[in-house]
Amino acid sequence: MTTRKYLAGALASAAFSMLTISASLSAETTIKLGNTAPYSGPASAYSTIARAESAYFQMLNDQGGINGRKVEFDSLDDAYSPSKTVEQTRKLVEQDEVLALFSSVGTAPNIAVQKYLNIKHVPQLFVSSGATRWNDPKQFPGPSASTRPTSSKGNFTPNTF
């Protein structure tokens, strides 16, 4: 098994173990996840992260989903602009009714929506950021960020929330 497949599997397993306890918040046949990423703007190269995640979820769906449930992964362009991230995140939460935000890209964009998501009780799963603020469980009681060793993502449990 390649490292890439191992990491992707660990990431998905950890995320879905948390999501199964919140199944009542999602449709019976789908798991709705949201994401913001810079598909345009100065950091658009980082959109490859969201594109790869989208492809991975499609592969899972093609293989029957997670316990028979399909993953609906809605990724919106925030152009790496915190104000645009707030707008797109509100759309994902209030209109699309996502269960969680998954691996949204960037430190400033994620900081801009952190309080809003906490108020709405929508978890930020696996924030794609190099900032250490996401590793402080007192301030951010969610799963690990990219600054923690990747192996810790596989050890994330639903008891974190």
Protein backbone atom coordinates (compact mmCIF):
# COMPACT_ATOMS: atom_id res chain seq x y z
CA MET A 1 0.00 0.00 0.00
CA THR A 2 1.43 3.36 -0.94
CA THR A 3 1.81 6.13 1.60
CA ARG A 4 -0.70 8.25 -0.28
CA LYS A 5 -3.39 5.57 -0.14
CA TYR A 6 -2.66 4.91 3.53
CA LEU A 7 -2.94 8.59 4.42
CA ALA A 8 -6.12 9.04 2.42
CA GLY A 9 -7.67 5.97 4.04
CA ALA A 10 -6.69 7.09 7.54
CA LEU A 11 -8.08 10.54 6.91
CA ALA A 12 -11.40 9.29 5.60
CA SER A 13 -11.74 6.66 8.33
CA ALA A 14 -11.20 9.21 11.06
CA ALA A 15 -13.63 11.67 9.56
CA PHE A 16 -16.34 9.12 9.00
CA SER A 17 -16.02 7.63 12.47
CA MET A 18 -16.97 11.07 13.81
CA LEU A 19 -19.71 11.54 11.25
CA THR A 20 -21.52 8.30 12.11
CA ILE A 21 -22.51 9.67 15.52
CA SER A 22 -24.12 12.66 13.83
CA ALA A 23 -26.03 10.68 11.25
CA SER A 24 -29.34 12.16 12.30
CA LEU A 25 -28.11 15.55 11.04
CA SER A 26 -27.63 14.23 7.53
CA ALA A 27 -29.92 12.53 5.05
CA GLU A 28 -30.35 8.79 5.44
CA THR A 29 -28.50 8.02 2.21
CA THR A 30 -25.88 10.77 2.07
CA ILE A 31 -23.20 12.40 4.16
CA LYS A 32 -22.99 16.08 3.22
CA LEU A 33 -19.55 17.67 3.65
CA GLY A 34 -18.57 21.20 2.72
CA ASN A 35 -15.25 22.75 1.82
CA THR A 36 -13.84 26.09 0.76
CA ALA A 37 -10.71 26.29 -1.34
CA PRO A 38 -8.95 28.87 -3.53
CA TYR A 39 -9.95 27.78 -7.03
CA SER A 40 -9.12 31.31 -8.13
CA GLY A 41 -6.89 34.06 -6.78
CA PRO A 42 -3.27 34.14 -5.59
CA ALA A 43 -3.32 30.76 -3.84
CA SER A 44 -5.19 28.82 -6.53
CA ALA A 45 -2.44 26.19 -6.65
CA TYR A 46 -3.84 24.91 -3.35
CA SER A 47 -7.11 24.02 -5.05
CA THR A 48 -5.45 20.72 -5.93
CA ILE A 49 -6.06 19.66 -2.31
CA ALA A 50 -9.83 20.01 -2.68
CA ARG A 51 -9.79 18.49 -6.17
CA ALA A 52 -7.96 15.42 -4.82
CA GLU A 53 -10.39 15.12 -1.91
CA SER A 54 -13.32 15.37 -4.28
CA ALA A 55 -11.83 12.60 -6.43
CA TYR A 56 -11.29 10.44 -3.36
CA PHE A 57 -14.90 10.85 -2.21
CA GLN A 58 -16.06 10.02 -5.74
CA MET A 59 -13.96 6.85 -5.61
CA LEU A 60 -15.56 5.93 -2.27
CA ASN A 61 -19.01 6.55 -3.73
CA ASP A 62 -18.17 4.41 -6.77
CA GLN A 63 -17.25 1.61 -4.36
CA GLY A 64 -20.59 1.81 -2.57
CA GLY A 65 -20.00 4.71 -0.19
CA ILE A 66 -19.51 4.48 3.56
CA ASN A 67 -21.76 1.82 5.05
CA GLY A 68 -23.96 2.27 2.01
CA ARG A 69 -24.14 6.05 2.34
CA LYS A 70 -22.84 8.30 -0.42
CA VAL A 71 -20.60 11.27 0.38
CA GLU A 72 -21.78 14.56 -1.08
CA PHE A 73 -18.70 16.81 -1.11
CA ASP A 74 -19.53 20.41 -1.97
CA SER A 75 -16.40 22.51 -2.49
CA LEU A 76 -16.76 26.25 -3.16
CA ASP A 77 -14.26 28.86 -4.33
CA ASP A 78 -13.19 31.38 -1.70
CA ALA A 79 -10.24 32.83 -3.69
CA TYR A 80 -8.26 32.65 -0.40
CA SER A 81 -10.17 35.72 0.79
CA PRO A 82 -11.48 35.53 4.38
CA SER A 83 -14.56 37.62 3.55
CA LYS A 84 -15.39 35.31 0.64
CA THR A 85 -14.78 32.30 2.91
CA VAL A 86 -17.37 33.64 5.36
CA GLU A 87 -19.88 34.08 2.53
CA GLN A 88 -19.27 30.61 1.07
CA THR A 89 -19.24 28.92 4.49
CA ARG A 90 -22.58 30.50 5.39
CA LYS A 91 -23.99 29.14 2.13
CA LEU A 92 -22.69 25.65 2.90
CA VAL A 93 -24.12 25.70 6.44
CA GLU A 94 -27.38 27.57 6.01
CA GLN A 95 -28.48 26.63 2.49
CA ASP A 96 -26.73 23.35 1.75
CA GLU A 97 -26.97 22.14 5.38
CA VAL A 98 -23.62 20.36 5.44
CA LEU A 99 -22.81 18.12 8.37
CA ALA A 100 -19.21 19.36 8.66
CA LEU A 101 -16.55 21.43 6.92
CA PHE A 102 -13.82 19.14 5.68
CA SER A 103 -10.22 20.23 5.07
CA SER A 104 -10.94 23.83 4.13
CA VAL A 105 -7.75 25.51 2.90
CA GLY A 106 -5.83 28.30 4.60
CA THR A 107 -5.12 29.82 7.97
CA ALA A 108 -6.80 33.23 7.51
CA PRO A 109 -9.91 31.80 5.80
CA ASN A 110 -10.39 29.22 8.56
CA ILE A 111 -9.86 31.76 11.33
CA ALA A 112 -12.53 33.94 9.72
CA VAL A 113 -15.18 31.22 10.08
CA GLN A 114 -14.09 29.46 13.27
CA LYS A 115 -16.40 31.31 15.70
CA TYR A 116 -19.35 31.13 13.30
CA LEU A 117 -18.94 27.36 12.89
CA ASN A 118 -18.58 26.87 16.64
CA ILE A 119 -21.81 28.82 17.24
CA LYS A 120 -23.59 26.73 14.60
CA HIS A 121 -22.07 23.49 16.03
CA VAL A 122 -20.60 22.56 12.66
CA PRO A 123 -17.21 20.88 13.06
CA GLN A 124 -14.14 21.90 11.08
CA LEU A 125 -12.56 18.57 10.18
CA PHE A 126 -8.86 18.53 9.28
CA VAL A 127 -8.19 22.21 8.70
CA SER A 128 -5.55 22.63 5.97
CA SER A 129 -3.30 25.14 7.68
CA GLY A 130 0.22 25.33 8.98
CA ALA A 131 -0.79 27.41 12.01
CA THR A 132 -0.41 25.87 15.44
CA ARG A 133 -3.63 27.46 16.76
CA TRP A 134 -5.60 24.45 15.48
CA ASN A 135 -3.57 22.19 17.78
CA ASP A 136 -4.83 23.80 20.99
CA PRO A 137 -7.72 21.63 22.19
CA LYS A 138 -8.90 24.27 24.67
CA GLN A 139 -9.39 26.84 21.89
CA PHE A 140 -10.16 24.40 19.07
CA PRO A 141 -11.68 21.16 20.40
CA GLY A 142 -11.87 19.53 16.97
CA PRO A 143 -9.73 17.09 15.03
CA SER A 144 -6.10 17.62 14.15
CA ALA A 145 -4.77 20.16 11.69
CA SER A 146 -2.04 19.69 9.14
CA THR A 147 0.64 20.64 11.68
CA ARG A 148 0.08 17.45 13.70
CA PRO A 149 1.61 14.21 12.52
CA THR A 150 -0.67 12.65 9.93
CA SER A 151 -0.84 9.43 11.92
CA SER A 152 -2.78 11.28 14.64
CA LYS A 153 -5.64 11.84 12.17
CA GLY A 154 -6.27 8.10 12.18
CA ASN A 155 -6.51 8.17 15.99
CA PHE A 156 -9.24 10.84 16.10
CA THR A 157 -12.36 9.59 17.86
CA PRO A 158 -15.93 10.87 18.16
CA ASN A 159 -15.29 11.53 21.86
CA THR A 160 -13.34 14.65 20.85
CA PHE A 161 -16.61 16.54 20.36
